[in-house]
Amino acid sequence: MIRLEDLQPNAAVRGVLPDCIVTVVSVQWFGSEALELTYKTPDA
């Protein structure tokens, strides 16, 4: 299981969307407990 702190661009992540692995495009932190995750789906 990946931790939020480990999210990096190009990482493949399961669980963001049901039945789909997404690829992380960017991660922007807001303080130490909130983040904005930009990702793409396999069909994008």
N, C-alpha and C. Protein backbone atom coordinates (compact mmCIF):
# COMPACT_ATOMS: atom_id res chain seq x y z
N MET A 1 0.84 -1.18 0.00
CA MET A 1 0.00 0.00 0.00
C MET A 1 0.89 1.24 0.00
N ILE A 2 0.58 2.16 -0.85
CA ILE A 2 1.35 3.41 -0.95
C ILE A 2 0.82 4.42 0.07
N ARG A 3 1.72 5.18 0.64
CA ARG A 3 1.35 6.26 1.55
C ARG A 3 1.26 7.56 0.76
N LEU A 4 0.47 8.50 1.24
CA LEU A 4 0.35 9.78 0.54
C LEU A 4 1.71 10.45 0.37
N GLU A 5 2.56 10.31 1.36
CA GLU A 5 3.89 10.92 1.31
C GLU A 5 4.75 10.34 0.19
N ASP A 6 4.40 9.15 -0.28
CA ASP A 6 5.18 8.47 -1.32
C ASP A 6 4.71 8.77 -2.74
N LEU A 7 3.62 9.51 -2.90
CA LEU A 7 3.10 9.80 -4.24
C LEU A 7 4.08 10.68 -5.00
N GLN A 8 4.45 10.23 -6.17
CA GLN A 8 5.39 10.95 -7.04
C GLN A 8 4.85 10.90 -8.47
N PRO A 9 5.19 11.88 -9.30
CA PRO A 9 4.78 11.83 -10.71
C PRO A 9 5.21 10.51 -11.37
N ASN A 10 4.37 10.00 -12.23
CA ASN A 10 4.55 8.75 -12.98
C ASN A 10 4.28 7.50 -12.16
N ALA A 11 3.89 7.63 -10.90
CA ALA A 11 3.54 6.46 -10.09
C ALA A 11 2.19 5.92 -10.54
N ALA A 12 2.07 4.61 -10.60
CA ALA A 12 0.80 3.96 -10.89
C ALA A 12 0.12 3.66 -9.57
N VAL A 13 -1.14 4.11 -9.42
CA VAL A 13 -1.84 4.01 -8.14
C VAL A 13 -3.20 3.37 -8.35
N ARG A 14 -3.50 2.39 -7.51
CA ARG A 14 -4.81 1.74 -7.53
C ARG A 14 -5.62 2.29 -6.35
N GLY A 15 -6.94 2.47 -6.53
CA GLY A 15 -7.81 2.88 -5.44
C GLY A 15 -8.31 4.31 -5.54
N VAL A 16 -7.78 5.09 -6.45
CA VAL A 16 -8.27 6.45 -6.64
C VAL A 16 -9.64 6.38 -7.32
N LEU A 17 -9.74 5.57 -8.34
CA LEU A 17 -11.00 5.29 -9.04
C LEU A 17 -11.28 3.80 -8.93
N PRO A 18 -12.54 3.41 -8.89
CA PRO A 18 -12.84 1.98 -8.81
C PRO A 18 -12.42 1.24 -10.09
N ASP A 19 -11.82 0.08 -9.91
CA ASP A 19 -11.45 -0.80 -11.03
C ASP A 19 -10.54 -0.15 -12.06
N CYS A 20 -9.65 0.73 -11.64
CA CYS A 20 -8.78 1.42 -12.58
C CYS A 20 -7.48 1.82 -11.89
N ILE A 21 -6.38 1.66 -12.58
CA ILE A 21 -5.10 2.15 -12.11
C ILE A 21 -4.85 3.49 -12.79
N VAL A 22 -4.54 4.51 -12.00
CA VAL A 22 -4.27 5.84 -12.55
C VAL A 22 -2.78 6.13 -12.45
N THR A 23 -2.32 7.07 -13.26
CA THR A 23 -0.92 7.51 -13.24
C THR A 23 -0.87 8.92 -12.68
N VAL A 24 -0.03 9.12 -11.68
CA VAL A 24 0.10 10.43 -11.04
C VAL A 24 0.78 11.39 -11.99
N VAL A 25 0.18 12.56 -12.19
CA VAL A 25 0.76 13.62 -12.99
C VAL A 25 1.49 14.60 -12.08
N SER A 26 0.81 15.04 -11.00
CA SER A 26 1.45 15.95 -10.05
C SER A 26 0.79 15.83 -8.69
N VAL A 27 1.54 16.24 -7.67
CA VAL A 27 1.06 16.25 -6.30
C VAL A 27 1.43 17.60 -5.71
N GLN A 28 0.45 18.32 -5.20
CA GLN A 28 0.72 19.60 -4.56
C GLN A 28 0.19 19.53 -3.14
N TRP A 29 1.09 19.71 -2.18
CA TRP A 29 0.73 19.66 -0.77
C TRP A 29 0.24 21.01 -0.29
N PHE A 30 -0.75 20.99 0.60
CA PHE A 30 -1.27 22.16 1.30
C PHE A 30 -1.10 21.87 2.79
N GLY A 31 0.00 22.33 3.35
CA GLY A 31 0.32 21.97 4.72
C GLY A 31 0.82 20.54 4.77
N SER A 32 0.59 19.86 5.87
CA SER A 32 1.09 18.49 6.01
C SER A 32 0.00 17.44 5.96
N GLU A 33 -1.28 17.86 5.80
CA GLU A 33 -2.36 16.88 5.85
C GLU A 33 -3.33 16.94 4.67
N ALA A 34 -3.10 17.80 3.71
CA ALA A 34 -3.99 17.89 2.56
C ALA A 34 -3.17 18.02 1.29
N LEU A 35 -3.65 17.41 0.21
CA LEU A 35 -2.95 17.51 -1.05
C LEU A 35 -3.92 17.54 -2.21
N GLU A 36 -3.43 18.05 -3.33
CA GLU A 36 -4.18 18.03 -4.58
C GLU A 36 -3.45 17.04 -5.49
N LEU A 37 -4.18 16.04 -5.92
CA LEU A 37 -3.61 15.00 -6.78
C LEU A 37 -4.15 15.18 -8.19
N THR A 38 -3.25 15.33 -9.15
CA THR A 38 -3.63 15.37 -10.55
C THR A 38 -3.18 14.05 -11.16
N TYR A 39 -4.09 13.38 -11.85
CA TYR A 39 -3.78 12.06 -12.39
C TYR A 39 -4.40 11.89 -13.77
N LYS A 40 -3.96 10.85 -14.46
CA LYS A 40 -4.59 10.51 -15.74
C LYS A 40 -4.98 9.04 -15.71
N THR A 41 -6.06 8.75 -16.43
CA THR A 41 -6.54 7.38 -16.52
C THR A 41 -5.91 6.69 -17.73
N PRO A 42 -5.98 5.38 -17.79
CA PRO A 42 -5.36 4.67 -18.92
C PRO A 42 -5.93 5.08 -20.29
N ASP A 43 -7.18 5.49 -20.33
CA ASP A 43 -7.78 5.86 -21.62
C ASP A 43 -7.57 7.32 -21.98
N ALA A 44 -6.84 8.06 -21.15
CA ALA A 44 -6.60 9.49 -21.43
C ALA A 44 -5.37 9.69 -22.28
